[in-house]
Amino acid sequence: MKMKLMLVDDHPLFLEGLQYLLETYGIDVTGAAQNGREALEQARALKPDIILMDIKMPECTGIDALKLIKAEMPEIKIIMLTTSEEDGDLFDAVKYGASGYLLKNTNARELVDMLSDLEKGEVPLSPDLASRLLKEFKNNSSYEHKHMENPSEDSRERQLTLRQTEILEMVAKGITYKEAGDALGLTERTVKYHMGRIIELLHLENRAQVIAYAARTGLVEKTQK
């Protein structure tokens, strides 16, 4: 896997273990930091493709570092890797530009696969967290997504095929690509292909924005009537 990865965590033992694990899978770990301020400095110096970053850290939290790094280097993809299952942390991470949100109980193979999918435009996000995101977006009606202020949303949705609409509805409810494929008689790879086309047609960037789109347009409610 050809990517430059940086790790940020305030627990040295976890940091060293994660670096060793990723390198055994052929991932180039270019550097590490133990708090948000160090992460910003290292990001400036190393210019990694992806940063895996904890949230709860001293001096400068992962959320604060996320905002600083994305403001200065928006091309860097940042995934929050944390023990925090708090809705506020999840919502803030997505709002401030995180490319994914993973819990530390994710196993090694899943983590490596998700990093690989990230290179292809997928978003590392568990179904449970996807469901929470949908709930947050539905409950926070004042939240304005930067890609969802175009009044032609309905016309964009009409561009989707029936199959793409079915997949969009299922993903917005937190169903995994594999589960969606099983339900629709498709392979997981085919579902991922359709999701890529959906994101492109709706002028979105990732799966988290698809969830927000579905909440904003009432798509999930419409399918449940």
Protein backbone atom coordinates (compact mmCIF):
# COMPACT_ATOMS: atom_id res chain seq x y z
CA MET A 1 0.00 0.00 0.00
CA LYS A 2 1.71 3.18 -1.18
CA MET A 3 0.74 5.82 1.35
CA LYS A 4 2.60 7.97 3.84
CA LEU A 5 0.97 7.59 7.22
CA MET A 6 1.48 9.54 10.44
CA LEU A 7 0.32 8.41 13.90
CA VAL A 8 -0.77 10.62 16.79
CA ASP A 9 -1.47 9.23 20.26
CA ASP A 10 -0.40 10.18 23.78
CA HIS A 11 0.27 6.57 24.84
CA PRO A 12 3.81 5.59 23.71
CA LEU A 13 3.21 1.84 24.03
CA PHE A 14 0.08 1.95 21.88
CA LEU A 15 1.88 4.20 19.40
CA GLU A 16 4.83 1.84 19.04
CA GLY A 17 2.59 -1.21 18.77
CA LEU A 18 0.40 0.36 16.10
CA GLN A 19 3.43 1.46 14.09
CA TYR A 20 4.90 -2.04 14.19
CA LEU A 21 1.57 -3.59 13.21
CA LEU A 22 1.03 -1.27 10.23
CA GLU A 23 4.57 -1.72 8.99
CA THR A 24 4.11 -5.50 8.96
CA TYR A 25 1.31 -4.88 6.44
CA GLY A 26 3.66 -2.81 4.27
CA ILE A 27 2.35 0.62 5.26
CA ASP A 28 4.96 3.38 5.45
CA VAL A 29 4.67 5.10 8.83
CA THR A 30 6.61 8.31 8.26
CA GLY A 31 6.32 9.78 11.74
CA ALA A 32 4.53 9.96 15.07
CA ALA A 33 3.41 12.58 17.58
CA GLN A 34 2.05 12.46 21.13
CA ASN A 35 -0.29 15.46 21.16
CA GLY A 36 -2.06 17.82 18.81
CA ARG A 37 0.65 20.48 18.76
CA GLU A 38 3.30 17.94 17.82
CA ALA A 39 0.93 16.60 15.18
CA LEU A 40 0.68 20.01 13.51
CA GLU A 41 4.47 20.44 13.53
CA GLN A 42 5.06 16.93 12.18
CA ALA A 43 2.39 17.37 9.50
CA ARG A 44 4.11 20.52 8.28
CA ALA A 45 7.48 18.77 8.13
CA LEU A 46 6.46 15.34 6.80
CA LYS A 47 3.43 16.12 4.61
CA PRO A 48 1.79 12.69 5.18
CA ASP A 49 -1.07 11.45 3.03
CA ILE A 50 -3.05 10.21 6.02
CA ILE A 51 -2.99 10.87 9.77
CA LEU A 52 -4.41 8.42 12.31
CA MET A 53 -5.10 10.54 15.40
CA ASP A 54 -6.47 10.06 18.89
CA ILE A 55 -8.95 12.58 20.33
CA LYS A 56 -8.30 12.68 24.07
CA MET A 57 -4.76 14.10 24.37
CA PRO A 58 -3.04 16.68 26.60
CA GLU A 59 -2.05 20.23 25.50
CA CYS A 60 -3.99 20.07 22.25
CA THR A 61 -6.81 17.59 21.60
CA GLY A 62 -7.27 15.63 18.41
CA ILE A 63 -10.30 17.73 17.44
CA ASP A 64 -8.32 20.97 17.88
CA ALA A 65 -5.42 19.52 15.90
CA LEU A 66 -7.85 18.38 13.21
CA LYS A 67 -9.12 21.95 12.77
CA LEU A 68 -5.60 23.40 12.65
CA ILE A 69 -4.20 20.85 10.20
CA LYS A 70 -7.18 20.92 7.84
CA ALA A 71 -7.14 24.73 7.77
CA GLU A 72 -3.49 24.77 6.74
CA MET A 73 -3.16 21.48 4.82
CA PRO A 74 -6.64 20.45 3.61
CA GLU A 75 -5.22 17.78 1.32
CA ILE A 76 -4.17 15.61 4.29
CA LYS A 77 -6.78 12.98 5.19
CA ILE A 78 -7.28 12.61 8.93
CA ILE A 79 -8.91 9.61 10.60
CA MET A 80 -9.77 9.79 14.27
CA LEU A 81 -8.71 6.54 16.01
CA THR A 82 -10.07 6.70 19.52
CA THR A 83 -11.82 5.01 22.42
CA SER A 84 -14.38 7.83 22.50
CA GLU A 85 -17.88 6.79 21.48
CA GLU A 86 -19.33 10.17 22.49
CA ASP A 87 -21.71 11.56 19.89
CA GLY A 88 -20.26 15.04 20.33
CA ASP A 89 -16.75 13.89 19.40
CA LEU A 90 -18.03 11.98 16.37
CA PHE A 91 -20.14 14.89 15.13
CA ASP A 92 -17.37 17.45 15.65
CA ALA A 93 -14.82 15.24 13.89
CA VAL A 94 -16.97 14.99 10.75
CA LYS A 95 -17.95 18.67 10.92
CA TYR A 96 -14.32 19.79 11.02
CA GLY A 97 -13.20 17.63 8.13
CA ALA A 98 -12.21 14.18 9.41
CA SER A 99 -12.12 11.56 6.65
CA GLY A 100 -13.18 8.82 9.03
CA TYR A 101 -13.81 7.82 12.65
CA LEU A 102 -12.66 4.47 14.03
CA LEU A 103 -12.71 2.96 17.49
CA LYS A 104 -9.58 1.36 18.91
CA ASN A 105 -11.33 -2.00 19.18
CA THR A 106 -11.11 -2.26 15.37
CA ASN A 107 -9.01 -5.30 14.48
CA ALA A 108 -5.80 -5.04 12.46
CA ARG A 109 -7.13 -6.51 9.21
CA GLU A 110 -10.19 -4.25 9.28
CA LEU A 111 -7.99 -1.20 9.91
CA VAL A 112 -5.68 -2.01 6.99
CA ASP A 113 -8.64 -2.70 4.69
CA MET A 114 -10.26 0.59 5.68
CA LEU A 115 -7.05 2.49 4.99
CA SER A 116 -6.93 0.85 1.57
CA ASP A 117 -10.56 1.82 0.95
CA LEU A 118 -9.77 5.39 1.98
CA GLU A 119 -7.33 5.64 -0.92
CA LYS A 120 -10.25 4.70 -3.20
CA GLY A 121 -12.50 7.38 -1.74
CA GLU A 122 -14.35 5.36 0.90
CA VAL A 123 -14.89 6.59 4.45
CA PRO A 124 -13.75 4.44 7.41
CA LEU A 125 -16.90 4.53 9.53
CA SER A 126 -18.66 1.70 11.35
CA PRO A 127 -22.40 1.09 10.76
CA ASP A 128 -23.21 2.01 14.37
CA LEU A 129 -21.42 5.33 14.03
CA ALA A 130 -23.11 5.93 10.68
CA SER A 131 -26.48 5.57 12.39
CA ARG A 132 -25.44 8.05 15.08
CA LEU A 133 -24.31 10.52 12.44
CA LEU A 134 -27.68 10.29 10.72
CA LYS A 135 -29.43 10.97 14.02
CA GLU A 136 -27.18 13.96 14.73
CA PHE A 137 -27.82 15.52 11.32
CA LYS A 138 -31.57 14.97 11.66
CA ASN A 139 -31.69 16.53 15.12
CA ASN A 140 -29.45 19.47 14.26
CA SER A 141 -31.57 21.24 11.64
CA SER A 142 -29.49 24.43 11.90
CA TYR A 143 -26.38 22.62 10.68
CA GLU A 144 -25.60 23.75 7.13
CA HIS A 145 -23.41 21.40 5.19
CA LYS A 146 -21.08 23.13 2.78
CA HIS A 147 -22.13 20.85 -0.07
CA MET A 148 -25.86 20.90 0.65
CA GLU A 149 -26.93 24.47 0.13
CA ASN A 150 -27.73 24.04 -3.58
CA PRO A 151 -31.51 24.37 -4.20
CA SER A 152 -31.35 21.75 -6.98
CA GLU A 153 -31.01 18.78 -4.60
CA ASP A 154 -34.23 17.17 -5.87
CA SER A 155 -33.08 17.34 -9.48
CA ARG A 156 -29.73 15.83 -8.48
CA GLU A 157 -31.51 12.97 -6.71
CA ARG A 158 -33.56 12.30 -9.86
CA GLN A 159 -30.30 11.60 -11.72
CA LEU A 160 -29.83 8.43 -9.68
CA THR A 161 -30.97 5.08 -11.02
CA LEU A 162 -33.44 3.01 -9.03
CA ARG A 163 -30.61 0.71 -7.95
CA GLN A 164 -28.46 3.66 -6.82
CA THR A 165 -31.39 5.10 -4.86
CA GLU A 166 -31.88 1.75 -3.09
CA ILE A 167 -28.20 1.63 -2.16
CA LEU A 168 -28.23 5.26 -0.99
CA GLU A 169 -31.20 4.57 1.28
CA MET A 170 -29.56 1.48 2.80
CA VAL A 171 -26.17 3.13 3.41
CA ALA A 172 -27.88 6.15 4.99
CA LYS A 173 -29.50 3.79 7.51
CA GLY A 174 -26.08 2.43 8.52
CA ILE A 175 -26.20 -0.81 6.54
CA THR A 176 -22.75 -2.03 5.48
CA TYR A 177 -21.80 -2.43 1.82
CA LYS A 178 -21.65 -6.21 2.25
CA GLU A 179 -25.10 -6.35 3.86
CA ALA A 180 -26.52 -4.10 1.13
CA GLY A 181 -24.98 -6.35 -1.51
CA ASP A 182 -26.42 -9.49 0.09
CA ALA A 183 -29.88 -7.90 0.25
CA LEU A 184 -29.78 -6.72 -3.36
CA GLY A 185 -28.00 -9.72 -4.87
CA LEU A 186 -24.85 -7.73 -5.64
CA THR A 187 -21.20 -8.11 -4.73
CA GLU A 188 -19.66 -5.77 -2.17
CA ARG A 189 -17.41 -4.38 -4.92
CA THR A 190 -20.46 -3.52 -7.05
CA VAL A 191 -22.09 -1.70 -4.14
CA LYS A 192 -18.87 0.29 -3.62
CA TYR A 193 -18.86 1.18 -7.33
CA HIS A 194 -22.46 2.43 -7.11
CA MET A 195 -21.61 4.46 -4.00
CA GLY A 196 -18.78 6.11 -5.90
CA ARG A 197 -21.19 7.08 -8.67
CA ILE A 198 -23.76 8.33 -6.14
CA ILE A 199 -21.17 10.54 -4.46
CA GLU A 200 -20.12 11.89 -7.85
CA LEU A 201 -23.66 12.55 -9.08
CA LEU A 202 -24.73 14.28 -5.86
CA HIS A 203 -21.52 16.38 -5.82
CA LEU A 204 -20.54 15.04 -2.40
CA GLU A 205 -17.17 13.86 -1.14
CA ASN A 206 -17.69 10.85 1.09
CA ARG A 207 -20.06 8.53 2.92
CA ALA A 208 -20.50 10.87 5.89
CA GLN A 209 -21.79 13.55 3.53
CA VAL A 210 -24.17 11.01 1.98
CA ILE A 211 -25.64 10.40 5.44
CA ALA A 212 -26.02 14.14 5.99
CA TYR A 213 -27.63 14.49 2.55
CA ALA A 214 -30.15 11.75 3.33
CA ALA A 215 -31.03 13.40 6.64
CA ARG A 216 -31.36 16.86 5.10
CA THR A 217 -33.59 15.73 2.23
CA GLY A 218 -35.71 13.40 4.35
CA LEU A 219 -34.75 10.44 2.16
CA VAL A 220 -34.79 7.92 5.00
CA GLU A 221 -38.21 9.04 6.22
CA LYS A 222 -39.57 8.83 2.69
CA THR A 223 -38.47 5.21 2.36
CA GLN A 224 -40.02 4.27 5.68
CA LYS A 225 -43.53 5.53 4.84
